[in-house]
PDB file of all heavy atoms in Angstrom:
ATOM      1  N   THR A   1       0.809  -1.220   0.000  1.00  0.00           N
ATOM      2  CA  THR A   1       0.000   0.000   0.000  1.00  0.00           C
ATOM      3  C   THR A   1       0.842   1.269   0.000  1.00  0.00           C
ATOM      4  O   THR A   1       0.310   2.370   0.119  1.00  0.00           O
ATOM      5  CB  THR A   1      -0.922   0.013   1.230  1.00  0.00           C
ATOM      6  OG1 THR A   1      -0.128  -0.100   2.414  1.00  0.00           O
ATOM      7  CG2 THR A   1      -1.913  -1.146   1.177  1.00  0.00           C
ATOM      8  N   ALA A   2       2.150   1.109  -0.134  1.00  0.00           N
ATOM      9  CA  ALA A   2       3.037   2.276  -0.176  1.00  0.00           C
ATOM     10  C   ALA A   2       4.060   2.077  -1.289  1.00  0.00           C
ATOM     11  O   ALA A   2       4.279   0.958  -1.778  1.00  0.00           O
ATOM     12  CB  ALA A   2       3.736   2.459   1.166  1.00  0.00           C
ATOM     13  N   GLY A   3       4.655   3.186  -1.713  1.00  0.00           N
ATOM     14  CA  GLY A   3       5.624   3.131  -2.808  1.00  0.00           C
ATOM     15  C   GLY A   3       7.048   3.024  -2.305  1.00  0.00           C
ATOM     16  O   GLY A   3       7.305   2.472  -1.240  1.00  0.00           O
ATOM     17  N   GLY A   4       7.973   3.573  -3.124  1.00  0.00           N
ATOM     18  CA  GLY A   4       9.374   3.578  -2.721  1.00  0.00           C
ATOM     19  C   GLY A   4      10.251   2.604  -3.466  1.00  0.00           C
ATOM     20  O   GLY A   4      11.454   2.517  -3.183  1.00  0.00           O
ATOM     21  N   LEU A   5       9.699   1.853  -4.442  1.00  0.00           N
ATOM     22  CA  LEU A   5      10.498   0.893  -5.182  1.00  0.00           C
ATOM     23  C   LEU A   5      10.901   1.456  -6.539  1.00  0.00           C
ATOM     24  O   LEU A   5      10.238   2.356  -7.085  1.00  0.00           O
ATOM     25  CB  LEU A   5       9.706  -0.412  -5.399  1.00  0.00           C
ATOM     26  CG  LEU A   5       9.184  -1.109  -4.140  1.00  0.00           C
ATOM     27  CD1 LEU A   5       8.281  -2.265  -4.524  1.00  0.00           C
ATOM     28  CD2 LEU A   5      10.338  -1.585  -3.275  1.00  0.00           C
ATOM     29  N   GLU A   6      11.953   0.910  -7.111  1.00  0.00           N
ATOM     30  CA  GLU A   6      12.326   1.264  -8.483  1.00  0.00           C
ATOM     31  C   GLU A   6      11.825   0.155  -9.401  1.00  0.00           C
ATOM     32  O   GLU A   6      12.291  -0.978  -9.341  1.00  0.00           O
ATOM     33  CB  GLU A   6      13.837   1.413  -8.639  1.00  0.00           C
ATOM     34  CG  GLU A   6      14.226   1.830 -10.059  1.00  0.00           C
ATOM     35  CD  GLU A   6      15.729   1.910 -10.262  1.00  0.00           C
ATOM     36  OE1 GLU A   6      16.362   0.840 -10.269  1.00  0.00           O
ATOM     37  OE2 GLU A   6      16.251   3.025 -10.412  1.00  0.00           O
ATOM     38  N   VAL A   7      10.867   0.503 -10.241  1.00  0.00           N
ATOM     39  CA  VAL A   7      10.264  -0.472 -11.152  1.00  0.00           C
ATOM     40  C   VAL A   7      10.567  -0.056 -12.590  1.00  0.00           C
ATOM     41  O   VAL A   7      10.333   1.100 -12.985  1.00  0.00           O
ATOM     42  CB  VAL A   7       8.741  -0.568 -10.939  1.00  0.00           C
ATOM     43  CG1 VAL A   7       8.096  -1.458 -12.003  1.00  0.00           C
ATOM     44  CG2 VAL A   7       8.447  -1.100  -9.539  1.00  0.00           C
ATOM     45  N   ILE A   8      11.098  -0.980 -13.363  1.00  0.00           N
ATOM     46  CA  ILE A   8      11.430  -0.718 -14.762  1.00  0.00           C
ATOM     47  C   ILE A   8      10.735  -1.758 -15.633  1.00  0.00           C
ATOM     48  O   ILE A   8      10.909  -2.959 -15.438  1.00  0.00           O
ATOM     49  CB  ILE A   8      12.957  -0.767 -14.992  1.00  0.00           C
ATOM     50  CG1 ILE A   8      13.645   0.355 -14.186  1.00  0.00           C
ATOM     51  CG2 ILE A   8      13.281  -0.650 -16.478  1.00  0.00           C
ATOM     52  CD1 ILE A   8      15.153   0.330 -14.276  1.00  0.00           C
ATOM     53  N   PHE A   9       9.916  -1.265 -16.572  1.00  0.00           N
ATOM     54  CA  PHE A   9       9.255  -2.154 -17.529  1.00  0.00           C
ATOM     55  C   PHE A   9      10.136  -2.331 -18.760  1.00  0.00           C
ATOM     56  O   PHE A   9      10.907  -1.442 -19.137  1.00  0.00           O
ATOM     57  CB  PHE A   9       7.903  -1.569 -17.964  1.00  0.00           C
ATOM     58  CG  PHE A   9       6.852  -1.592 -16.887  1.00  0.00           C
ATOM     59  CD1 PHE A   9       6.706  -0.524 -16.010  1.00  0.00           C
ATOM     60  CD2 PHE A   9       6.010  -2.677 -16.764  1.00  0.00           C
ATOM     61  CE1 PHE A   9       5.734  -0.539 -15.028  1.00  0.00           C
ATOM     62  CE2 PHE A   9       5.024  -2.706 -15.778  1.00  0.00           C
ATOM     63  CZ  PHE A   9       4.894  -1.643 -14.900  1.00  0.00           C
ATOM     64  N   ALA A  10      10.003  -3.484 -19.413  1.00  0.00           N
ATOM     65  CA  ALA A  10      10.747  -3.746 -20.653  1.00  0.00           C
ATOM     66  C   ALA A  10       9.932  -4.712 -21.502  1.00  0.00           C
ATOM     67  O   ALA A  10       9.141  -5.511 -20.985  1.00  0.00           O
ATOM     68  CB  ALA A  10      12.119  -4.332 -20.348  1.00  0.00           C
ATOM     69  N   ALA A  11      10.152  -4.625 -22.824  1.00  0.00           N
ATOM     70  CA  ALA A  11       9.460  -5.518 -23.756  1.00  0.00           C
ATOM     71  C   ALA A  11      10.474  -6.444 -24.402  1.00  0.00           C
ATOM     72  O   ALA A  11      11.624  -6.062 -24.669  1.00  0.00           O
ATOM     73  CB  ALA A  11       8.742  -4.698 -24.829  1.00  0.00           C
ATOM     74  N   SER A  12      10.044  -7.685 -24.660  1.00  0.00           N
ATOM     75  CA  SER A  12      10.943  -8.643 -25.306  1.00  0.00           C
ATOM     76  C   SER A  12      11.153  -8.261 -26.764  1.00  0.00           C
ATOM     77  O   SER A  12      10.356  -7.535 -27.358  1.00  0.00           O
ATOM     78  CB  SER A  12      10.352 -10.056 -25.212  1.00  0.00           C
ATOM     79  OG  SER A  12       9.118 -10.118 -25.917  1.00  0.00           O
ATOM     80  N   SER A  13      12.249  -8.747 -27.307  1.00  0.00           N
ATOM     81  CA  SER A  13      12.583  -8.402 -28.699  1.00  0.00           C
ATOM     82  C   SER A  13      12.906  -9.659 -29.497  1.00  0.00           C
ATOM     83  O   SER A  13      13.028 -10.744 -28.940  1.00  0.00           O
ATOM     84  CB  SER A  13      13.771  -7.436 -28.725  1.00  0.00           C
ATOM     85  OG  SER A  13      14.905  -8.049 -28.123  1.00  0.00           O
ATOM     86  N   GLY A  14      13.016  -9.496 -30.807  1.00  0.00           N
ATOM     87  CA  GLY A  14      13.334 -10.608 -31.697  1.00  0.00           C
ATOM     88  C   GLY A  14      12.877 -10.286 -33.104  1.00  0.00           C
ATOM     89  O   GLY A  14      12.210  -9.269 -33.361  1.00  0.00           O
ATOM     90  N   VAL A  15      13.222 -11.139 -34.032  1.00  0.00           N
ATOM     91  CA  VAL A  15      12.852 -10.928 -35.428  1.00  0.00           C
ATOM     92  C   VAL A  15      11.338 -10.985 -35.564  1.00  0.00           C
ATOM     93  O   VAL A  15      10.688 -11.948 -35.136  1.00  0.00           O
ATOM     94  CB  VAL A  15      13.495 -11.991 -36.347  1.00  0.00           C
ATOM     95  CG1 VAL A  15      13.046 -11.775 -37.789  1.00  0.00           C
ATOM     96  CG2 VAL A  15      15.002 -11.927 -36.243  1.00  0.00           C
ATOM     97  N   GLY A  16      10.757  -9.933 -36.120  1.00  0.00           N
ATOM     98  CA  GLY A  16       9.318  -9.897 -36.366  1.00  0.00           C
ATOM     99  C   GLY A  16       8.483  -9.610 -35.152  1.00  0.00           C
ATOM    100  O   GLY A  16       7.245  -9.633 -35.233  1.00  0.00           O
ATOM    101  N   VAL A  17       9.105  -9.328 -34.007  1.00  0.00           N
ATOM    102  CA  VAL A  17       8.359  -9.063 -32.776  1.00  0.00           C
ATOM    103  C   VAL A  17       7.962  -7.589 -32.725  1.00  0.00           C
ATOM    104  O   VAL A  17       8.731  -6.701 -33.119  1.00  0.00           O
ATOM    105  CB  VAL A  17       9.194  -9.436 -31.547  1.00  0.00           C
ATOM    106  CG1 VAL A  17       8.458  -9.062 -30.262  1.00  0.00           C
ATOM    107  CG2 VAL A  17       9.513 -10.917 -31.561  1.00  0.00           C
ATOM    108  N   SER A  18       6.759  -7.325 -32.240  1.00  0.00           N
ATOM    109  CA  SER A  18       6.279  -5.955 -32.093  1.00  0.00           C
ATOM    110  C   SER A  18       7.238  -5.155 -31.218  1.00  0.00           C
ATOM    111  O   SER A  18       7.822  -5.691 -30.272  1.00  0.00           O
ATOM    112  CB  SER A  18       4.890  -5.943 -31.449  1.00  0.00           C
ATOM    113  OG  SER A  18       3.953  -6.615 -32.251  1.00  0.00           O
ATOM    114  N   THR A  19       7.380  -3.867 -31.561  1.00  0.00           N
ATOM    115  CA  THR A  19       8.206  -2.990 -30.728  1.00  0.00           C
ATOM    116  C   THR A  19       7.407  -1.760 -30.340  1.00  0.00           C
ATOM    117  O   THR A  19       6.406  -1.410 -30.980  1.00  0.00           O
ATOM    118  CB  THR A  19       9.486  -2.551 -31.457  1.00  0.00           C
ATOM    119  OG1 THR A  19       9.121  -1.759 -32.607  1.00  0.00           O
ATOM    120  CG2 THR A  19      10.309  -3.748 -31.901  1.00  0.00           C
ATOM    121  N   GLY A  20       7.871  -1.113 -29.284  1.00  0.00           N
ATOM    122  CA  GLY A  20       7.207   0.103 -28.831  1.00  0.00           C
ATOM    123  C   GLY A  20       8.099   0.850 -27.867  1.00  0.00           C
ATOM    124  O   GLY A  20       9.105   0.319 -27.370  1.00  0.00           O
ATOM    125  N   ALA A  21       7.743   2.089 -27.603  1.00  0.00           N
ATOM    126  CA  ALA A  21       8.505   2.932 -26.688  1.00  0.00           C
ATOM    127  C   ALA A  21       7.842   2.902 -25.311  1.00  0.00           C
ATOM    128  O   ALA A  21       6.627   3.085 -25.200  1.00  0.00           O
ATOM    129  CB  ALA A  21       8.564   4.359 -27.215  1.00  0.00           C
ATOM    130  N   ILE A  22       8.660   2.656 -24.281  1.00  0.00           N
ATOM    131  CA  ILE A  22       8.158   2.613 -22.911  1.00  0.00           C
ATOM    132  C   ILE A  22       8.646   3.863 -22.185  1.00  0.00           C
ATOM    133  O   ILE A  22       9.853   4.112 -22.088  1.00  0.00           O
ATOM    134  CB  ILE A  22       8.646   1.358 -22.179  1.00  0.00           C
ATOM    135  CG1 ILE A  22       8.056   0.095 -22.844  1.00  0.00           C
ATOM    136  CG2 ILE A  22       8.263   1.402 -20.704  1.00  0.00           C
ATOM    137  CD1 ILE A  22       8.551  -1.207 -22.243  1.00  0.00           C
ATOM    138  N   THR A  23       7.719   4.657 -21.705  1.00  0.00           N
ATOM    139  CA  THR A  23       8.088   5.877 -20.969  1.00  0.00           C
ATOM    140  C   THR A  23       7.074   6.109 -19.845  1.00  0.00           C
ATOM    141  O   THR A  23       5.888   5.819 -20.013  1.00  0.00           O
ATOM    142  CB  THR A  23       8.080   7.113 -21.894  1.00  0.00           C
ATOM    143  OG1 THR A  23       6.797   7.231 -22.519  1.00  0.00           O
ATOM    144  CG2 THR A  23       9.151   7.014 -22.956  1.00  0.00           C
ATOM    145  N   PRO A  24       7.513   6.632 -18.708  1.00  0.00           N
ATOM    146  CA  PRO A  24       8.912   6.905 -18.363  1.00  0.00           C
ATOM    147  C   PRO A  24       9.620   5.657 -17.852  1.00  0.00           C
ATOM    148  O   PRO A  24       8.994   4.653 -17.544  1.00  0.00           O
ATOM    149  CB  PRO A  24       8.781   7.930 -17.245  1.00  0.00           C
ATOM    150  CG  PRO A  24       7.515   7.538 -16.553  1.00  0.00           C
ATOM    151  CD  PRO A  24       6.587   7.058 -17.638  1.00  0.00           C
ATOM    152  N   ILE A  25      10.932   5.761 -17.782  1.00  0.00           N
ATOM    153  CA  ILE A  25      11.787   4.728 -17.194  1.00  0.00           C
ATOM    154  C   ILE A  25      12.674   5.420 -16.150  1.00  0.00           C
ATOM    155  O   ILE A  25      13.401   6.342 -16.516  1.00  0.00           O
ATOM    156  CB  ILE A  25      12.665   4.032 -18.245  1.00  0.00           C
ATOM    157  CG1 ILE A  25      11.786   3.300 -19.263  1.00  0.00           C
ATOM    158  CG2 ILE A  25      13.625   3.055 -17.580  1.00  0.00           C
ATOM    159  CD1 ILE A  25      12.584   2.647 -20.396  1.00  0.00           C
ATOM    160  N   PRO A  26      12.639   5.015 -14.884  1.00  0.00           N
ATOM    161  CA  PRO A  26      11.749   4.022 -14.250  1.00  0.00           C
ATOM    162  C   PRO A  26      10.289   4.451 -14.335  1.00  0.00           C
ATOM    163  O   PRO A  26       9.969   5.603 -14.636  1.00  0.00           O
ATOM    164  CB  PRO A  26      12.229   3.985 -12.802  1.00  0.00           C
ATOM    165  CG  PRO A  26      13.589   4.585 -12.807  1.00  0.00           C
ATOM    166  CD  PRO A  26      13.576   5.596 -13.900  1.00  0.00           C
ATOM    167  N   ALA A  27       9.410   3.505 -14.005  1.00  0.00           N
ATOM    168  CA  ALA A  27       7.978   3.763 -14.053  1.00  0.00           C
ATOM    169  C   ALA A  27       7.575   4.766 -12.982  1.00  0.00           C
ATOM    170  O   ALA A  27       8.304   5.022 -12.016  1.00  0.00           O
ATOM    171  CB  ALA A  27       7.219   2.457 -13.861  1.00  0.00           C
ATOM    172  N   THR A  28       6.383   5.338 -13.178  1.00  0.00           N
ATOM    173  CA  THR A  28       5.847   6.292 -12.196  1.00  0.00           C
ATOM    174  C   THR A  28       5.407   5.550 -10.930  1.00  0.00           C
ATOM    175  O   THR A  28       4.674   4.564 -10.988  1.00  0.00           O
ATOM    176  CB  THR A  28       4.639   7.036 -12.789  1.00  0.00           C
ATOM    177  OG1 THR A  28       5.069   7.768 -13.951  1.00  0.00           O
ATOM    178  CG2 THR A  28       4.041   7.993 -11.769  1.00  0.00           C
ATOM    179  N   ASP A  29       5.892   6.026  -9.796  1.00  0.00           N
ATOM    180  CA  ASP A  29       5.517   5.471  -8.497  1.00  0.00           C
ATOM    181  C   ASP A  29       4.241   6.177  -8.056  1.00  0.00           C
ATOM    182  O   ASP A  29       4.252   7.376  -7.771  1.00  0.00           O
ATOM    183  CB  ASP A  29       6.651   5.709  -7.489  1.00  0.00           C
ATOM    184  CG  ASP A  29       6.360   5.131  -6.107  1.00  0.00           C
ATOM    185  OD1 ASP A  29       5.207   4.754  -5.836  1.00  0.00           O
ATOM    186  OD2 ASP A  29       7.302   5.071  -5.297  1.00  0.00           O
ATOM    187  N   ASN A  30       3.134   5.451  -7.982  1.00  0.00           N
ATOM    188  CA  ASN A  30       1.850   6.050  -7.621  1.00  0.00           C
ATOM    189  C   ASN A  30       1.669   6.187  -6.113  1.00  0.00           C
ATOM    190  O   ASN A  30       0.642   6.690  -5.656  1.00  0.00           O
ATOM    191  CB  ASN A  30       0.706   5.226  -8.216  1.00  0.00           C
ATOM    192  CG  ASN A  30       0.783   5.189  -9.731  1.00  0.00           C
ATOM    193  OD1 ASN A  30       0.956   6.224 -10.375  1.00  0.00           O
ATOM    194  ND2 ASN A  30       0.665   3.999 -10.305  1.00  0.00           N
ATOM    195  N   GLY A  31       2.654   5.716  -5.347  1.00  0.00           N
ATOM    196  CA  GLY A  31       2.621   5.891  -3.897  1.00  0.00           C
ATOM    197  C   GLY A  31       1.656   4.995  -3.166  1.00  0.00           C
ATOM    198  O   GLY A  31       1.464   5.148  -1.955  1.00  0.00           O
ATOM    199  N   ASP A  32       1.047   4.049  -3.859  1.00  0.00           N
ATOM    200  CA  ASP A  32       0.068   3.168  -3.222  1.00  0.00           C
ATOM    201  C   ASP A  32       0.361   1.694  -3.474  1.00  0.00           C
ATOM    202  O   ASP A  32      -0.518   0.840  -3.354  1.00  0.00           O
ATOM    203  CB  ASP A  32      -1.342   3.498  -3.726  1.00  0.00           C
ATOM    204  CG  ASP A  32      -1.464   3.339  -5.243  1.00  0.00           C
ATOM    205  OD1 ASP A  32      -0.447   2.995  -5.905  1.00  0.00           O
ATOM    206  OD2 ASP A  32      -2.576   3.544  -5.772  1.00  0.00           O
ATOM    207  N   GLY A  33       1.620   1.417  -3.865  1.00  0.00           N
ATOM    208  CA  GLY A  33       1.998   0.038  -4.152  1.00  0.00           C
ATOM    209  C   GLY A  33       1.855  -0.322  -5.615  1.00  0.00           C
ATOM    210  O   GLY A  33       2.149  -1.460  -5.998  1.00  0.00           O
ATOM    211  N   THR A  34       1.415   0.644  -6.437  1.00  0.00           N
ATOM    212  CA  THR A  34       1.321   0.396  -7.888  1.00  0.00           C
ATOM    213  C   THR A  34       2.288   1.316  -8.625  1.00  0.00           C
ATOM    214  O   THR A  34       2.605   2.417  -8.164  1.00  0.00           O
ATOM    215  CB  THR A  34      -0.101   0.622  -8.410  1.00  0.00           C
ATOM    216  OG1 THR A  34      -0.442   2.018  -8.306  1.00  0.00           O
ATOM    217  CG2 THR A  34      -1.108  -0.215  -7.633  1.00  0.00           C
ATOM    218  N   TYR A  35       2.715   0.835  -9.802  1.00  0.00           N
ATOM    219  CA  TYR A  35       3.672   1.573 -10.639  1.00  0.00           C
ATOM    220  C   TYR A  35       3.179   1.479 -12.071  1.00  0.00           C
ATOM    221  O   TYR A  35       2.722   0.408 -12.511  1.00  0.00           O
ATOM    222  CB  TYR A  35       5.077   0.968 -10.501  1.00  0.00           C
ATOM    223  CG  TYR A  35       5.573   0.997  -9.069  1.00  0.00           C
ATOM    224  CD1 TYR A  35       5.148   0.050  -8.139  1.00  0.00           C
ATOM    225  CD2 TYR A  35       6.433   2.001  -8.642  1.00  0.00           C
ATOM    226  CE1 TYR A  35       5.564   0.093  -6.822  1.00  0.00           C
ATOM    227  CE2 TYR A  35       6.865   2.043  -7.315  1.00  0.00           C
ATOM    228  CZ  TYR A  35       6.426   1.093  -6.403  1.00  0.00           C
ATOM    229  OH  TYR A  35       6.840   1.148  -5.106  1.00  0.00           O
ATOM    230  N   SER A  36       3.266   2.591 -12.814  1.00  0.00           N
ATOM    231  CA  SER A  36       2.708   2.588 -14.173  1.00  0.00           C
ATOM    232  C   SER A  36       3.596   3.343 -15.150  1.00  0.00           C
ATOM    233  O   SER A  36       4.407   4.195 -14.764  1.00  0.00           O
ATOM    234  CB  SER A  36       1.301   3.196 -14.177  1.00  0.00           C
ATOM    235  OG  SER A  36       1.330   4.512 -13.648  1.00  0.00           O
ATOM    236  N   THR A  37       3.427   2.998 -16.411  1.00  0.00           N
ATOM    237  CA  THR A  37       4.144   3.654 -17.498  1.00  0.00           C
ATOM    238  C   THR A  37       3.316   3.451 -18.761  1.00  0.00           C
ATOM    239  O   THR A  37       2.278   2.774 -18.731  1.00  0.00           O
ATOM    240  CB  THR A  37       5.561   3.076 -17.652  1.00  0.00           C
ATOM    241  OG1 THR A  37       6.327   3.889 -18.535  1.00  0.00           O
ATOM    242  CG2 THR A  37       5.507   1.655 -18.201  1.00  0.00           C
ATOM    243  N   THR A  38       3.743   4.023 -19.882  1.00  0.00           N
ATOM    244  CA  THR A  38       3.002   3.845 -21.134  1.00  0.00           C
ATOM    245  C   THR A  38       3.849   3.091 -22.153  1.00  0.00           C
ATOM    246  O   THR A  38       5.081   3.163 -22.144  1.00  0.00           O
ATOM    247  CB  THR A  38       2.593   5.198 -21.745  1.00  0.00           C
ATOM    248  OG1 THR A  38       3.783   5.982 -21.986  1.00  0.00           O
ATOM    249  CG2 THR A  38       1.663   5.949 -20.809  1.00  0.00           C
ATOM    250  N   PHE A  39       3.150   2.328 -22.982  1.00  0.00           N
ATOM    251  CA  PHE A  39       3.777   1.609 -24.100  1.00  0.00           C
ATOM    252  C   PHE A  39       3.156   2.165 -25.367  1.00  0.00           C
ATOM    253  O   PHE A  39       1.941   2.034 -25.588  1.00  0.00           O
ATOM    254  CB  PHE A  39       3.514   0.109 -23.980  1.00  0.00           C
ATOM    255  CG  PHE A  39       4.048  -0.709 -25.123  1.00  0.00           C
ATOM    256  CD1 PHE A  39       5.312  -1.269 -25.083  1.00  0.00           C
ATOM    257  CD2 PHE A  39       3.269  -0.923 -26.270  1.00  0.00           C
ATOM    258  CE1 PHE A  39       5.796  -2.026 -26.143  1.00  0.00           C
ATOM    259  CE2 PHE A  39       3.756  -1.683 -27.335  1.00  0.00           C
ATOM    260  CZ  PHE A  39       5.017  -2.232 -27.265  1.00  0.00           C
ATOM    261  N   THR A  40       3.977   2.819 -26.207  1.00  0.00           N
ATOM    262  CA  THR A  40       3.501   3.401 -27.470  1.00  0.00           C
ATOM    263  C   THR A  40       3.974   2.541 -28.621  1.00  0.00           C
ATOM    264  O   THR A  40       5.187   2.325 -28.802  1.00  0.00           O
ATOM    265  CB  THR A  40       4.022   4.835 -27.653  1.00  0.00           C
ATOM    266  OG1 THR A  40       3.617   5.626 -26.531  1.00  0.00           O
ATOM    267  CG2 THR A  40       3.473   5.454 -28.938  1.00  0.00           C
ATOM    268  N   GLY A  41       3.004   2.009 -29.403  1.00  0.00           N
ATOM    269  CA  GLY A  41       3.350   1.121 -30.500  1.00  0.00           C
ATOM    270  C   GLY A  41       4.208   1.794 -31.554  1.00  0.00           C
ATOM    271  O   GLY A  41       3.949   2.933 -31.949  1.00  0.00           O
ATOM    272  N   GLU A  42       5.251   1.076 -32.019  1.00  0.00           N
ATOM    273  CA  GLU A  42       6.147   1.619 -33.056  1.00  0.00           C
ATOM    274  C   GLU A  42       6.201   0.728 -34.285  1.00  0.00           C
ATOM    275  O   GLU A  42       6.031   1.193 -35.409  1.00  0.00           O
ATOM    276  CB  GLU A  42       7.568   1.793 -32.482  1.00  0.00           C
ATOM    277  CG  GLU A  42       7.669   2.875 -31.417  1.00  0.00           C
ATOM    278  CD  GLU A  42       9.082   3.051 -30.910  1.00  0.00           C
ATOM    279  OE1 GLU A  42       9.888   2.085 -30.993  1.00  0.00           O
ATOM    280  OE2 GLU A  42       9.410   4.146 -30.413  1.00  0.00           O
ATOM    281  N   THR A  43       6.426  -0.579 -34.085  1.00  0.00           N
ATOM    282  CA  THR A  43       6.555  -1.498 -35.221  1.00  0.00           C
ATOM    283  C   THR A  43       5.593  -2.654 -35.042  1.00  0.00           C
ATOM    284  O   THR A  43       5.590  -3.317 -33.995  1.00  0.00           O
ATOM    285  CB  THR A  43       7.987  -2.041 -35.324  1.00  0.00           C
ATOM    286  OG1 THR A  43       8.899  -0.948 -35.391  1.00  0.00           O
ATOM    287  CG2 THR A  43       8.139  -2.919 -36.563  1.00  0.00           C
ATOM    288  N   ALA A  44       4.761  -2.882 -36.076  1.00  0.00           N
ATOM    289  CA  ALA A  44       3.815  -3.997 -36.009  1.00  0.00           C
ATOM    290  C   ALA A  44       4.563  -5.319 -36.086  1.00  0.00           C
ATOM    291  O   ALA A  44       5.619  -5.424 -36.713  1.00  0.00           O
ATOM    292  CB  ALA A  44       2.800  -3.883 -37.137  1.00  0.00           C
ATOM    293  N   GLY A  45       4.017  -6.347 -35.441  1.00  0.00           N
ATOM    294  CA  GLY A  45       4.665  -7.655 -35.468  1.00  0.00           C
ATOM    295  C   GLY A  45       3.945  -8.629 -34.569  1.00  0.00           C
ATOM    296  O   GLY A  45       2.796  -8.410 -34.162  1.00  0.00           O
ATOM    297  N   THR A  46       4.635  -9.720 -34.247  1.00  0.00           N
ATOM    298  CA  THR A  46       4.062 -10.709 -33.340  1.00  0.00           C
ATOM    299  C   THR A  46       4.085 -10.161 -31.910  1.00  0.00           C
ATOM    300  O   THR A  46       4.812  -9.204 -31.610  1.00  0.00           O
ATOM    301  CB  THR A  46       4.865 -12.013 -33.402  1.00  0.00           C
ATOM    302  OG1 THR A  46       6.227 -11.723 -33.071  1.00  0.00           O
ATOM    303  CG2 THR A  46       4.803 -12.619 -34.804  1.00  0.00           C
TER     304      THR A  46
END
């Protein structure tokens, strides 16, 4: 129920795999035990 952690999101990669931009890094600490960020699509794929 409290924040204070460093959380970093990442997406897997590979040939033909979808890609996107993750921001911000580290993720936003919402102060309630949850952390969030955005994934913006860049390359279509699996």
